[in-house]
Each structure stands twice: as structure tokens, then as C-alpha cells.
Amino acid sequence: MERSQVLAHRHKKLQQELYGKEPKTVDDIFEMVKVLVNKNVSSNGTELVSMRFEVGYSNKVQSTHSCTLFERLYHDTKAKPGFDGRIWLRFTRSPKGFGSENMFGTATWTGSGGGGWNEPWDKIVKLYYKAPKHIQKQFTNPYCLGYGYKFYLADFPDLEKDIKQQKIIAQLKDEKFEYKFQKTWISLKQLEKDNRFADLCVKTSSRRNLNLDYT
């Protein structure tokens, strides 16, 4: 069995063991990624506390530094149907290793990016660094990462089947097929911490309120 096939089976096995089913929708992929990333970073003493997807469907997702699981890695650079966009991840502390290691088992790919990409949590990050030291010490420094992001339909057969059906329906209606997906998740525990932190910062400044707005 080729290395790429071994890797593919390992990814799918992890998905089944940790997520429990084959993803059928992009929302399923979002939830699966959340579970697997948290599992991957847990051994480093950190925890995923928030995540955001902004992806859209394309008939030609570039594969110059990625590929579908069952292809020989990095040898086929032909663009393929799938989704691309961005992913943002927020942890309780810096995870070790490369961003791609945190995504192991998800059958999804991170691209350029890294630290400093705080977009969904920009308000809370800026607030943290402007807060007095005695307030900072009461809360954890928000550690955020952001990357270019992609995944291929070939790795998710149930999603591929659904997309094909939606494209046929759009064609029959003489409509252009589009599929965009955005979703933000934050753990209830972290949301409560962020709100307490924001309230404390407001009380020590002249600001009347602060709407974090994670949607």
C-alpha cells in the first residue's frame, strides 16, 4: 500500500473514532475539525476554545501544496472541486508544532498564515494588550492563529454526492451554483471569560460598553 493510501486510511479511521460518522455537510466538517483539532492539541496542554470557517465552493481548488488523501502526495497539481477560504483557531495557549500537525486526521489543509491573524477575536485581543497589567494577570492571553484553508470533495464522498445533486438542481433552474459557508464557534466557558474580562476593562475605563460580537 502506498504512503498516501496509508495516510488516507489513518485520517478516515480517526474521523470515525473521534467524530463518529462520515461528514455529509460542510457543517459536519466544521464539527469534525473542531473535535480532531482539540484532540491533537490536548497532549500539548492546550485547548481549542473558538474556531471560525469562511469557505466557498470552487470547481478548481488549487493543489500545489496539498492533494486528496488517496493521491500520491504533492505529485498531482491539477486543481480539483472542493472548498477554500480561511480558518481561524483560538487556543488557551500556543500549541506546539506546525499548523498542519494540529489538523491531522481532518483531511483538510492549512496554507499561509499563523500567529497574528486575530480577525474573529480582534476586539478582545486588542483589549487584552491595552488592559492594565493587573487585569491581564487575571485572564489568559488569547492565542489566535489563522490560515488559508481548503478541502476536496473527493475526500468526503457524502458531501460530494450532495454537491453534485445541488449543482444539477441549479442547472435545471438555469441558476449559477454557489455555496458559501461561514460559522463561528466559541466555548461557553471562554465566552463567559471574555465577557467578564470586557466588563472589567469597561469598569476601569471611560467606555460605556463593549460588544464583542463573535457572530
N, C-alpha and C. Protein backbone atom coordinates (compact mmCIF):
# COMPACT_ATOMS: atom_id res chain seq x y z
N MET A 1 0.84 -1.20 0.00
CA MET A 1 0.00 0.00 0.00
C MET A 1 0.88 1.25 0.00
N GLU A 2 0.58 2.22 -0.88
CA GLU A 2 1.37 3.43 -0.96
C GLU A 2 1.19 4.29 0.28
N ARG A 3 2.20 5.16 0.49
CA ARG A 3 2.18 6.02 1.68
C ARG A 3 0.90 6.86 1.74
N SER A 4 0.47 7.41 0.59
CA SER A 4 -0.72 8.25 0.57
C SER A 4 -1.97 7.46 0.96
N GLN A 5 -2.02 6.17 0.57
CA GLN A 5 -3.16 5.34 0.93
C GLN A 5 -3.16 5.03 2.42
N VAL A 6 -1.98 4.77 2.97
CA VAL A 6 -1.86 4.54 4.42
C VAL A 6 -2.33 5.77 5.18
N LEU A 7 -1.87 6.95 4.72
CA LEU A 7 -2.26 8.20 5.36
C LEU A 7 -3.76 8.42 5.28
N ALA A 8 -4.34 8.12 4.12
CA ALA A 8 -5.77 8.28 3.93
C ALA A 8 -6.56 7.43 4.91
N HIS A 9 -6.17 6.17 5.06
CA HIS A 9 -6.86 5.28 5.98
C HIS A 9 -6.71 5.74 7.43
N ARG A 10 -5.56 6.29 7.78
CA ARG A 10 -5.35 6.81 9.14
C ARG A 10 -6.26 7.99 9.41
N HIS A 11 -6.37 8.90 8.41
CA HIS A 11 -7.26 10.05 8.56
C HIS A 11 -8.70 9.60 8.76
N LYS A 12 -9.17 8.71 7.90
CA LYS A 12 -10.55 8.26 7.97
C LYS A 12 -10.84 7.48 9.25
N LYS A 13 -9.86 6.73 9.71
CA LYS A 13 -10.03 5.98 10.96
C LYS A 13 -10.20 6.94 12.14
N LEU A 14 -9.38 8.00 12.16
CA LEU A 14 -9.50 8.99 13.22
C LEU A 14 -10.86 9.69 13.19
N GLN A 15 -11.32 10.01 11.99
CA GLN A 15 -12.62 10.67 11.87
C GLN A 15 -13.72 9.79 12.44
N GLN A 16 -13.68 8.49 12.12
CA GLN A 16 -14.70 7.57 12.59
C GLN A 16 -14.62 7.39 14.10
N GLU A 17 -13.40 7.27 14.62
CA GLU A 17 -13.22 7.02 16.06
C GLU A 17 -13.60 8.23 16.90
N LEU A 18 -13.21 9.43 16.46
CA LEU A 18 -13.39 10.62 17.29
C LEU A 18 -14.66 11.40 16.98
N TYR A 19 -15.04 11.45 15.69
CA TYR A 19 -16.25 12.19 15.33
C TYR A 19 -17.46 11.26 15.23
N GLY A 20 -17.20 10.01 14.84
CA GLY A 20 -18.26 9.01 14.89
C GLY A 20 -19.02 8.77 13.62
N LYS A 21 -18.77 9.59 12.58
CA LYS A 21 -19.50 9.39 11.33
C LYS A 21 -18.77 10.07 10.18
N GLU A 22 -19.16 9.71 8.97
CA GLU A 22 -18.62 10.36 7.77
C GLU A 22 -19.30 11.71 7.58
N PRO A 23 -18.54 12.81 7.49
CA PRO A 23 -19.17 14.12 7.28
C PRO A 23 -19.98 14.17 6.00
N LYS A 24 -21.22 14.68 6.10
CA LYS A 24 -22.11 14.77 4.94
C LYS A 24 -22.30 16.21 4.47
N THR A 25 -22.01 17.18 5.33
CA THR A 25 -22.20 18.59 5.01
C THR A 25 -20.95 19.36 5.43
N VAL A 26 -20.86 20.61 5.00
CA VAL A 26 -19.73 21.44 5.43
C VAL A 26 -19.83 21.70 6.93
N ASP A 27 -21.05 21.79 7.44
CA ASP A 27 -21.22 21.96 8.88
C ASP A 27 -20.68 20.74 9.63
N ASP A 28 -20.90 19.54 9.07
CA ASP A 28 -20.32 18.33 9.66
C ASP A 28 -18.79 18.42 9.69
N ILE A 29 -18.21 18.91 8.58
CA ILE A 29 -16.75 19.05 8.53
C ILE A 29 -16.28 20.03 9.59
N PHE A 30 -17.00 21.13 9.76
CA PHE A 30 -16.68 22.10 10.81
C PHE A 30 -16.64 21.42 12.18
N GLU A 31 -17.68 20.66 12.49
CA GLU A 31 -17.77 20.00 13.80
C GLU A 31 -16.69 18.92 13.94
N MET A 32 -16.42 18.20 12.87
CA MET A 32 -15.38 17.17 12.90
C MET A 32 -14.01 17.78 13.13
N VAL A 33 -13.71 18.89 12.44
CA VAL A 33 -12.42 19.56 12.60
C VAL A 33 -12.26 20.04 14.04
N LYS A 34 -13.32 20.58 14.60
CA LYS A 34 -13.29 21.06 15.98
C LYS A 34 -12.89 19.94 16.95
N VAL A 35 -13.49 18.77 16.76
CA VAL A 35 -13.21 17.63 17.64
C VAL A 35 -11.77 17.14 17.47
N LEU A 36 -11.33 16.99 16.22
CA LEU A 36 -10.00 16.42 15.96
C LEU A 36 -8.88 17.39 16.34
N VAL A 37 -9.06 18.68 16.06
CA VAL A 37 -8.03 19.65 16.45
C VAL A 37 -7.86 19.66 17.96
N ASN A 38 -8.97 19.65 18.68
CA ASN A 38 -8.89 19.66 20.14
C ASN A 38 -8.17 18.41 20.65
N LYS A 39 -8.42 17.27 20.00
CA LYS A 39 -7.73 16.04 20.37
C LYS A 39 -6.23 16.15 20.08
N ASN A 40 -5.88 16.72 18.93
CA ASN A 40 -4.48 16.83 18.52
C ASN A 40 -3.66 17.73 19.44
N VAL A 41 -4.26 18.80 19.94
CA VAL A 41 -3.51 19.76 20.76
C VAL A 41 -3.58 19.45 22.25
N SER A 42 -4.47 18.55 22.65
CA SER A 42 -4.67 18.29 24.08
C SER A 42 -3.41 17.74 24.75
N SER A 43 -2.60 17.00 23.99
CA SER A 43 -1.36 16.44 24.57
C SER A 43 -0.32 17.52 24.83
N ASN A 44 -0.52 18.72 24.26
CA ASN A 44 0.40 19.83 24.47
C ASN A 44 -0.03 20.75 25.60
N GLY A 45 -1.06 20.34 26.31
CA GLY A 45 -1.51 21.15 27.44
C GLY A 45 -2.31 22.37 27.05
N THR A 46 -2.84 22.38 25.84
CA THR A 46 -3.67 23.50 25.40
C THR A 46 -5.03 22.99 24.99
N GLU A 47 -5.93 23.91 24.68
CA GLU A 47 -7.31 23.55 24.34
C GLU A 47 -7.84 24.52 23.29
N LEU A 48 -8.57 23.99 22.32
CA LEU A 48 -9.25 24.82 21.35
C LEU A 48 -10.49 25.41 22.01
N VAL A 49 -10.61 26.75 22.01
CA VAL A 49 -11.74 27.39 22.67
C VAL A 49 -12.64 28.14 21.70
N SER A 50 -12.16 28.35 20.46
CA SER A 50 -13.00 29.01 19.47
C SER A 50 -12.47 28.72 18.07
N MET A 51 -13.36 28.75 17.08
CA MET A 51 -12.96 28.46 15.70
C MET A 51 -13.94 29.13 14.75
N ARG A 52 -13.42 29.55 13.60
CA ARG A 52 -14.27 30.14 12.56
C ARG A 52 -13.88 29.62 11.19
N PHE A 53 -14.91 29.29 10.39
CA PHE A 53 -14.76 28.93 8.98
C PHE A 53 -15.30 30.06 8.12
N GLU A 54 -14.62 30.38 7.04
CA GLU A 54 -15.18 31.17 5.94
C GLU A 54 -14.71 30.51 4.66
N VAL A 55 -15.55 29.68 4.06
CA VAL A 55 -15.14 28.91 2.88
C VAL A 55 -16.23 28.98 1.81
N GLY A 56 -15.83 28.74 0.58
CA GLY A 56 -16.77 28.71 -0.52
C GLY A 56 -16.40 27.62 -1.51
N TYR A 57 -17.40 27.12 -2.23
CA TYR A 57 -17.17 26.05 -3.19
C TYR A 57 -16.48 26.59 -4.44
N SER A 58 -15.60 25.77 -5.00
CA SER A 58 -14.96 26.08 -6.28
C SER A 58 -14.75 24.79 -7.06
N ASN A 59 -14.94 24.87 -8.37
CA ASN A 59 -14.65 23.70 -9.22
C ASN A 59 -13.16 23.45 -9.33
N LYS A 60 -12.37 24.46 -9.01
CA LYS A 60 -10.92 24.36 -9.19
C LYS A 60 -10.19 24.89 -7.95
N VAL A 61 -10.10 24.05 -6.93
CA VAL A 61 -9.30 24.37 -5.74
C VAL A 61 -7.86 23.95 -6.02
N GLN A 62 -6.95 24.89 -5.93
CA GLN A 62 -5.56 24.60 -6.27
C GLN A 62 -4.96 23.56 -5.32
N SER A 63 -4.06 22.74 -5.87
CA SER A 63 -3.47 21.65 -5.08
C SER A 63 -1.95 21.60 -5.23
N THR A 64 -1.33 22.76 -5.32
CA THR A 64 0.13 22.79 -5.49
C THR A 64 0.86 22.31 -4.25
N HIS A 65 0.29 22.51 -3.06
CA HIS A 65 0.92 22.05 -1.82
C HIS A 65 -0.03 21.19 -0.99
N SER A 66 -0.99 20.59 -1.66
CA SER A 66 -1.94 19.71 -0.98
C SER A 66 -2.55 18.79 -2.03
N CYS A 67 -3.31 17.81 -1.58
CA CYS A 67 -3.94 16.90 -2.53
C CYS A 67 -5.01 16.10 -1.81
N THR A 68 -5.80 15.35 -2.57
CA THR A 68 -6.76 14.47 -1.93
C THR A 68 -6.01 13.32 -1.26
N LEU A 69 -6.65 12.70 -0.29
CA LEU A 69 -5.95 11.72 0.54
C LEU A 69 -5.42 10.53 -0.24
N PHE A 70 -6.14 10.11 -1.26
CA PHE A 70 -5.75 8.88 -1.94
C PHE A 70 -4.81 9.11 -3.12
N GLU A 71 -4.31 10.34 -3.26
CA GLU A 71 -3.33 10.62 -4.31
C GLU A 71 -1.92 10.57 -3.72
N ARG A 72 -0.97 10.36 -4.56
CA ARG A 72 0.42 10.41 -4.11
C ARG A 72 0.75 11.86 -3.76
N LEU A 73 1.20 12.09 -2.54
CA LEU A 73 1.37 13.45 -2.04
C LEU A 73 2.25 14.30 -2.95
N TYR A 74 1.73 15.50 -3.26
CA TYR A 74 2.45 16.57 -3.95
C TYR A 74 2.79 16.26 -5.42
N HIS A 75 2.30 15.17 -5.98
CA HIS A 75 2.63 14.83 -7.35
C HIS A 75 1.57 15.30 -8.35
N ASP A 76 0.34 15.42 -7.92
CA ASP A 76 -0.72 15.85 -8.81
C ASP A 76 -1.09 17.29 -8.46
N THR A 77 -0.76 18.23 -9.33
CA THR A 77 -1.01 19.64 -9.05
C THR A 77 -2.25 20.16 -9.78
N LYS A 78 -3.05 19.28 -10.33
CA LYS A 78 -4.26 19.67 -11.03
C LYS A 78 -5.31 20.16 -10.03
N ALA A 79 -5.94 21.29 -10.35
CA ALA A 79 -6.98 21.82 -9.48
C ALA A 79 -8.19 20.88 -9.44
N LYS A 80 -8.86 20.82 -8.29
CA LYS A 80 -9.94 19.86 -8.09
C LYS A 80 -11.13 20.52 -7.40
N PRO A 81 -12.33 19.97 -7.55
CA PRO A 81 -13.51 20.52 -6.86
C PRO A 81 -13.36 20.43 -5.35
N GLY A 82 -13.77 21.49 -4.67
CA GLY A 82 -13.69 21.50 -3.22
C GLY A 82 -14.06 22.86 -2.66
N PHE A 83 -13.60 23.12 -1.46
CA PHE A 83 -13.87 24.39 -0.79
C PHE A 83 -12.55 25.04 -0.39
N ASP A 84 -12.48 26.35 -0.51
CA ASP A 84 -11.31 27.06 0.01
C ASP A 84 -11.74 28.38 0.63
N GLY A 85 -10.87 28.93 1.45
CA GLY A 85 -11.17 30.16 2.16
C GLY A 85 -10.20 30.34 3.30
N ARG A 86 -10.73 30.58 4.52
CA ARG A 86 -9.87 30.77 5.68
C ARG A 86 -10.44 30.04 6.89
N ILE A 87 -9.53 29.70 7.80
CA ILE A 87 -9.91 29.15 9.09
C ILE A 87 -9.17 29.92 10.17
N TRP A 88 -9.86 30.22 11.26
CA TRP A 88 -9.24 30.86 12.42
C TRP A 88 -9.41 29.93 13.62
N LEU A 89 -8.35 29.82 14.42
CA LEU A 89 -8.34 28.95 15.60
C LEU A 89 -7.86 29.75 16.80
N ARG A 90 -8.49 29.52 17.92
CA ARG A 90 -8.08 30.20 19.15
C ARG A 90 -7.87 29.16 20.24
N PHE A 91 -6.72 29.25 20.90
CA PHE A 91 -6.34 28.27 21.92
C PHE A 91 -6.11 28.96 23.26
N THR A 92 -6.07 28.15 24.32
CA THR A 92 -5.77 28.69 25.64
C THR A 92 -4.29 29.05 25.78
N ARG A 93 -3.46 28.39 24.97
CA ARG A 93 -2.03 28.70 24.93
C ARG A 93 -1.48 28.21 23.59
N SER A 94 -0.26 28.58 23.28
CA SER A 94 0.32 28.23 21.99
C SER A 94 0.50 26.72 21.86
N PRO A 95 -0.09 26.10 20.82
CA PRO A 95 0.15 24.68 20.59
C PRO A 95 1.52 24.47 19.98
N LYS A 96 2.12 23.35 20.25
CA LYS A 96 3.44 23.06 19.70
C LYS A 96 3.31 22.58 18.26
N GLY A 97 4.41 22.67 17.53
CA GLY A 97 4.44 22.13 16.18
C GLY A 97 3.88 23.07 15.14
N PHE A 98 3.74 22.56 13.92
CA PHE A 98 3.23 23.32 12.80
C PHE A 98 1.70 23.28 12.78
N GLY A 99 1.10 24.25 12.09
CA GLY A 99 -0.36 24.28 11.99
C GLY A 99 -0.93 23.03 11.38
N SER A 100 -0.22 22.45 10.42
CA SER A 100 -0.70 21.24 9.75
C SER A 100 -0.79 20.06 10.71
N GLU A 101 0.07 20.04 11.73
CA GLU A 101 0.03 18.95 12.71
C GLU A 101 -1.26 19.01 13.54
N ASN A 102 -1.72 20.22 13.81
CA ASN A 102 -2.97 20.37 14.57
C ASN A 102 -4.17 19.87 13.81
N MET A 103 -4.05 19.82 12.46
CA MET A 103 -5.18 19.42 11.62
C MET A 103 -5.15 17.94 11.27
N PHE A 104 -4.22 17.18 11.81
CA PHE A 104 -4.08 15.78 11.41
C PHE A 104 -5.38 15.01 11.62
N GLY A 105 -5.73 14.23 10.62
CA GLY A 105 -6.94 13.41 10.69
C GLY A 105 -8.16 14.07 10.11
N THR A 106 -8.09 15.39 9.85
CA THR A 106 -9.28 16.10 9.37
C THR A 106 -9.47 15.97 7.87
N ALA A 107 -8.42 15.59 7.12
CA ALA A 107 -8.45 15.56 5.66
C ALA A 107 -8.69 16.95 5.09
N THR A 108 -8.25 17.97 5.82
CA THR A 108 -8.32 19.35 5.36
C THR A 108 -6.92 19.96 5.45
N TRP A 109 -6.71 21.06 4.74
CA TRP A 109 -5.36 21.60 4.57
C TRP A 109 -5.28 23.07 4.95
N THR A 110 -4.27 23.42 5.75
CA THR A 110 -3.99 24.82 6.03
C THR A 110 -2.90 25.32 5.09
N GLY A 111 -2.96 26.61 4.77
CA GLY A 111 -1.96 27.22 3.89
C GLY A 111 -1.20 28.31 4.61
N SER A 112 -1.02 29.45 3.97
CA SER A 112 -0.26 30.54 4.56
C SER A 112 -1.02 31.15 5.73
N GLY A 113 -0.27 31.66 6.69
CA GLY A 113 -0.88 32.27 7.88
C GLY A 113 -0.04 31.99 9.10
N GLY A 114 -0.72 31.91 10.26
CA GLY A 114 -0.03 31.66 11.52
C GLY A 114 -0.49 32.63 12.58
N GLY A 115 0.42 33.01 13.48
CA GLY A 115 0.08 33.92 14.55
C GLY A 115 -0.20 35.32 14.05
N GLY A 116 -1.00 36.06 14.80
CA GLY A 116 -1.31 37.43 14.43
C GLY A 116 -2.57 37.59 13.59
N TRP A 117 -3.16 36.47 13.18
CA TRP A 117 -4.41 36.53 12.41
C TRP A 117 -5.57 36.41 13.39
N ASN A 118 -6.03 37.56 13.90
CA ASN A 118 -6.97 37.56 15.02
C ASN A 118 -8.40 37.91 14.64
N GLU A 119 -8.72 37.98 13.37
CA GLU A 119 -9.93 38.65 12.89
C GLU A 119 -11.21 38.40 13.70
N PRO A 120 -11.63 37.17 13.97
CA PRO A 120 -12.89 37.00 14.70
C PRO A 120 -12.81 37.53 16.13
N TRP A 121 -11.61 37.57 16.68
CA TRP A 121 -11.43 37.97 18.08
C TRP A 121 -10.58 39.23 18.19
N ASP A 122 -10.61 40.05 17.15
CA ASP A 122 -9.75 41.23 17.09
C ASP A 122 -10.02 42.18 18.27
N LYS A 123 -11.29 42.35 18.62
CA LYS A 123 -11.64 43.27 19.70
C LYS A 123 -11.06 42.82 21.03
N ILE A 124 -11.22 41.53 21.34
CA ILE A 124 -10.76 41.04 22.64
C ILE A 124 -9.24 41.01 22.71
N VAL A 125 -8.58 40.72 21.58
CA VAL A 125 -7.11 40.71 21.55
C VAL A 125 -6.56 42.12 21.78
N LYS A 126 -7.11 43.10 21.06
CA LYS A 126 -6.66 44.48 21.23
C LYS A 126 -6.94 44.97 22.65
N LEU A 127 -8.10 44.58 23.17
CA LEU A 127 -8.45 44.98 24.53
C LEU A 127 -7.48 44.40 25.55
N TYR A 128 -7.09 43.14 25.33
CA TYR A 128 -6.16 42.48 26.25
C TYR A 128 -4.83 43.24 26.32
N TYR A 129 -4.28 43.59 25.17
CA TYR A 129 -2.97 44.23 25.15
C TYR A 129 -3.01 45.69 25.60
N LYS A 130 -4.21 46.28 25.63
CA LYS A 130 -4.35 47.65 26.13
C LYS A 130 -4.73 47.69 27.61
N ALA A 131 -5.11 46.53 28.15
CA ALA A 131 -5.56 46.47 29.54
C ALA A 131 -4.40 46.66 30.52
N PRO A 132 -4.69 47.21 31.68
CA PRO A 132 -3.66 47.32 32.72
C PRO A 132 -3.12 45.95 33.11
N LYS A 133 -1.88 45.91 33.54
CA LYS A 133 -1.22 44.64 33.88
C LYS A 133 -1.99 43.85 34.93
N HIS A 134 -2.56 44.55 35.91
CA HIS A 134 -3.24 43.81 36.98
C HIS A 134 -4.50 43.12 36.47
N ILE A 135 -5.07 43.63 35.39
CA ILE A 135 -6.22 42.96 34.78
C ILE A 135 -5.75 41.82 33.89
N GLN A 136 -4.68 42.03 33.11
CA GLN A 136 -4.14 40.98 32.25
C GLN A 136 -3.82 39.72 33.04
N LYS A 137 -3.29 39.89 34.25
CA LYS A 137 -2.88 38.75 35.05
C LYS A 137 -4.05 37.87 35.47
N GLN A 138 -5.25 38.42 35.43
CA GLN A 138 -6.43 37.66 35.84
C GLN A 138 -6.99 36.79 34.72
N PHE A 139 -6.49 36.99 33.50
CA PHE A 139 -7.04 36.29 32.35
C PHE A 139 -5.92 35.74 31.46
N THR A 140 -6.28 34.73 30.65
CA THR A 140 -5.31 34.11 29.76
C THR A 140 -5.15 34.93 28.48
N ASN A 141 -3.91 35.11 28.05
CA ASN A 141 -3.64 35.80 26.80
C ASN A 141 -4.30 35.04 25.65
N PRO A 142 -5.21 35.68 24.89
CA PRO A 142 -5.85 34.97 23.78
C PRO A 142 -4.82 34.63 22.70
N TYR A 143 -4.66 33.34 22.42
CA TYR A 143 -3.68 32.91 21.42
C TYR A 143 -4.42 32.49 20.16
N CYS A 144 -4.26 33.25 19.09
CA CYS A 144 -5.04 33.05 17.88
C CYS A 144 -4.15 32.73 16.68
N LEU A 145 -4.66 31.87 15.81
CA LEU A 145 -3.99 31.52 14.56
C LEU A 145 -5.00 31.60 13.42
N GLY A 146 -4.52 31.96 12.24
CA GLY A 146 -5.39 31.99 11.07
C GLY A 146 -4.63 31.50 9.85
N TYR A 147 -5.31 30.80 8.97
CA TYR A 147 -4.65 30.21 7.81
C TYR A 147 -5.56 30.26 6.58
N GLY A 148 -4.94 30.27 5.40
CA GLY A 148 -5.67 29.88 4.21
C GLY A 148 -6.09 28.44 4.40
N TYR A 149 -7.21 28.04 3.81
CA TYR A 149 -7.78 26.74 4.17
C TYR A 149 -8.48 26.11 2.98
N LYS A 150 -8.39 24.80 2.85
CA LYS A 150 -9.04 24.11 1.73
C LYS A 150 -9.32 22.65 2.07
N PHE A 151 -10.31 22.10 1.40
CA PHE A 151 -10.54 20.65 1.43
C PHE A 151 -11.22 20.25 0.14
N TYR A 152 -11.08 18.98 -0.22
CA TYR A 152 -11.52 18.49 -1.52
C TYR A 152 -12.72 17.56 -1.39
N LEU A 153 -13.65 17.66 -2.35
CA LEU A 153 -14.83 16.81 -2.33
C LEU A 153 -14.46 15.33 -2.39
N ALA A 154 -13.40 14.98 -3.08
CA ALA A 154 -13.01 13.58 -3.23
C ALA A 154 -12.75 12.89 -1.90
N ASP A 155 -12.41 13.67 -0.87
CA ASP A 155 -12.14 13.10 0.46
C ASP A 155 -13.39 12.96 1.31
N PHE A 156 -14.51 13.51 0.83
CA PHE A 156 -15.76 13.45 1.58
C PHE A 156 -16.88 13.03 0.63
N PRO A 157 -17.01 11.74 0.36
CA PRO A 157 -17.92 11.23 -0.67
C PRO A 157 -19.38 11.61 -0.46
N ASP A 158 -19.84 11.65 0.78
CA ASP A 158 -21.24 12.01 1.02
C ASP A 158 -21.48 13.48 0.70
N LEU A 159 -20.52 14.35 1.04
CA LEU A 159 -20.62 15.76 0.68
C LEU A 159 -20.54 15.93 -0.84
N GLU A 160 -19.65 15.16 -1.46
CA GLU A 160 -19.51 15.23 -2.92
C GLU A 160 -20.83 14.88 -3.61
N LYS A 161 -21.51 13.85 -3.11
CA LYS A 161 -22.80 13.45 -3.68
C LYS A 161 -23.83 14.56 -3.51
N ASP A 162 -23.86 15.20 -2.34
CA ASP A 162 -24.81 16.27 -2.09
C ASP A 162 -24.55 17.48 -2.99
N ILE A 163 -23.28 17.84 -3.16
CA ILE A 163 -22.93 18.98 -4.01
C ILE A 163 -23.33 18.70 -5.46
N LYS A 164 -23.10 17.49 -5.94
CA LYS A 164 -23.49 17.14 -7.31
C LYS A 164 -24.99 17.28 -7.51
N GLN A 165 -25.77 16.87 -6.50
CA GLN A 165 -27.22 16.99 -6.60
C GLN A 165 -27.65 18.45 -6.61
N GLN A 166 -27.01 19.27 -5.78
CA GLN A 166 -27.34 20.69 -5.74
C GLN A 166 -26.97 21.39 -7.06
N LYS A 167 -25.88 20.96 -7.68
CA LYS A 167 -25.47 21.55 -8.95
C LYS A 167 -26.45 21.19 -10.06
N ILE A 168 -26.97 19.97 -10.02
CA ILE A 168 -27.96 19.55 -11.02
C ILE A 168 -29.24 20.37 -10.87
N ILE A 169 -29.67 20.57 -9.61
CA ILE A 169 -30.88 21.36 -9.36
C ILE A 169 -30.69 22.80 -9.85
N ALA A 170 -29.51 23.38 -9.57
CA ALA A 170 -29.24 24.74 -10.02
C ALA A 170 -29.24 24.82 -11.55
N GLN A 171 -28.69 23.80 -12.19
CA GLN A 171 -28.64 23.77 -13.65
C GLN A 171 -30.05 23.68 -14.24
N LEU A 172 -30.90 22.86 -13.64
CA LEU A 172 -32.28 22.71 -14.11
C LEU A 172 -33.06 24.01 -13.97
N LYS A 173 -32.70 24.79 -12.96
CA LYS A 173 -33.36 26.08 -12.73
C LYS A 173 -32.68 27.21 -13.50
N ASP A 174 -31.64 26.85 -14.25
CA ASP A 174 -30.86 27.83 -15.00
C ASP A 174 -30.27 28.90 -14.07
N GLU A 175 -29.75 28.43 -12.93
CA GLU A 175 -29.14 29.31 -11.94
C GLU A 175 -27.66 28.97 -11.77
N LYS A 176 -26.89 29.96 -11.41
CA LYS A 176 -25.47 29.73 -11.12
C LYS A 176 -25.35 29.07 -9.76
N PHE A 177 -24.57 28.01 -9.69
CA PHE A 177 -24.40 27.31 -8.41
C PHE A 177 -23.37 28.02 -7.54
N GLU A 178 -23.77 28.35 -6.34
CA GLU A 178 -22.86 28.95 -5.35
C GLU A 178 -23.10 28.30 -4.00
N TYR A 179 -22.03 28.14 -3.26
CA TYR A 179 -22.14 27.56 -1.92
C TYR A 179 -21.09 28.22 -1.04
N LYS A 180 -21.55 29.07 -0.15
CA LYS A 180 -20.64 29.73 0.80
C LYS A 180 -21.05 29.33 2.21
N PHE A 181 -20.05 29.17 3.06
CA PHE A 181 -20.31 28.71 4.43
C PHE A 181 -19.48 29.53 5.41
N GLN A 182 -20.15 30.08 6.40
CA GLN A 182 -19.48 30.81 7.48
C GLN A 182 -20.04 30.35 8.81
N LYS A 183 -19.17 30.10 9.74
CA LYS A 183 -19.63 29.70 11.07
C LYS A 183 -18.56 29.99 12.11
N THR A 184 -18.99 30.49 13.26
CA THR A 184 -18.09 30.75 14.39
C THR A 184 -18.59 29.97 15.60
N TRP A 185 -17.68 29.30 16.25
CA TRP A 185 -18.00 28.62 17.50
C TRP A 185 -17.07 29.14 18.59
N ILE A 186 -17.59 29.33 19.78
CA ILE A 186 -16.77 29.63 20.95
C ILE A 186 -17.35 28.87 22.12
N SER A 187 -16.50 28.28 22.92
CA SER A 187 -16.99 27.51 24.07
C SER A 187 -17.69 28.45 25.04
N LEU A 188 -18.72 27.95 25.68
CA LEU A 188 -19.47 28.77 26.63
C LEU A 188 -18.56 29.29 27.75
N LYS A 189 -17.65 28.43 28.20
CA LYS A 189 -16.72 28.81 29.25
C LYS A 189 -15.85 29.99 28.82
N GLN A 190 -15.34 29.94 27.57
CA GLN A 190 -14.49 31.02 27.09
C GLN A 190 -15.30 32.30 26.85
N LEU A 191 -16.52 32.16 26.36
CA LEU A 191 -17.37 33.32 26.15
C LEU A 191 -17.64 34.04 27.46
N GLU A 192 -17.89 33.28 28.52
CA GLU A 192 -18.12 33.87 29.84
C GLU A 192 -16.87 34.59 30.32
N LYS A 193 -15.70 34.00 30.10
CA LYS A 193 -14.44 34.64 30.49
C LYS A 193 -14.22 35.95 29.74
N ASP A 194 -14.48 35.90 28.42
CA ASP A 194 -14.30 37.09 27.59
C ASP A 194 -15.21 38.22 28.05
N ASN A 195 -16.46 37.88 28.36
CA ASN A 195 -17.41 38.90 28.79
C ASN A 195 -17.03 39.49 30.15
N ARG A 196 -16.54 38.63 31.06
CA ARG A 196 -16.08 39.14 32.36
C ARG A 196 -14.90 40.07 32.18
N PHE A 197 -13.98 39.67 31.30
CA PHE A 197 -12.80 40.48 31.02
C PHE A 197 -13.20 41.83 30.42
N ALA A 198 -14.10 41.81 29.45
CA ALA A 198 -14.56 43.04 28.80
C ALA A 198 -15.25 43.96 29.82
N ASP A 199 -16.09 43.36 30.67
CA ASP A 199 -16.79 44.16 31.69
C ASP A 199 -15.80 44.82 32.65
N LEU A 200 -14.79 44.08 33.04
CA LEU A 200 -13.79 44.62 33.96
C LEU A 200 -13.01 45.76 33.31
N CYS A 201 -12.69 45.59 32.01
CA CYS A 201 -11.98 46.64 31.29
C CYS A 201 -12.84 47.90 31.17
N VAL A 202 -14.14 47.70 30.93
CA VAL A 202 -15.04 48.85 30.82
C VAL A 202 -15.12 49.60 32.14
N LYS A 203 -15.17 48.87 33.24
CA LYS A 203 -15.28 49.50 34.56
C LYS A 203 -14.05 50.34 34.90
N THR A 204 -12.91 49.98 34.33
CA THR A 204 -11.67 50.71 34.64
C THR A 204 -11.33 51.75 33.58
N SER A 205 -12.28 51.98 32.65
CA SER A 205 -12.05 52.98 31.60
C SER A 205 -13.28 53.85 31.46
N SER A 206 -13.25 54.74 30.50
CA SER A 206 -14.38 55.65 30.26
C SER A 206 -15.39 55.06 29.29
N ARG A 207 -15.13 53.85 28.79
CA ARG A 207 -16.05 53.23 27.82
C ARG A 207 -17.31 52.74 28.52
N ARG A 208 -18.44 52.93 27.88
CA ARG A 208 -19.72 52.54 28.47
C ARG A 208 -20.02 51.06 28.28
N ASN A 209 -19.62 50.52 27.12
CA ASN A 209 -19.89 49.11 26.86
C ASN A 209 -18.95 48.63 25.77
N LEU A 210 -18.90 47.32 25.59
CA LEU A 210 -18.08 46.72 24.54
C LEU A 210 -18.81 45.50 24.00
N ASN A 211 -19.21 45.55 22.75
CA ASN A 211 -19.89 44.42 22.11
C ASN A 211 -18.85 43.57 21.40
N LEU A 212 -18.57 42.38 21.90
CA LEU A 212 -17.54 41.52 21.32
C LEU A 212 -17.99 40.95 19.98
N ASP A 213 -19.26 40.64 19.81
CA ASP A 213 -19.86 40.21 18.54
C ASP A 213 -19.01 39.16 17.83
N TYR A 214 -19.14 37.88 18.26
CA TYR A 214 -18.40 36.79 17.65
C TYR A 214 -19.14 36.12 16.49
N THR A 215 -20.28 36.65 16.09
CA THR A 215 -21.05 36.01 15.02
C THR A 215 -20.39 36.21 13.67
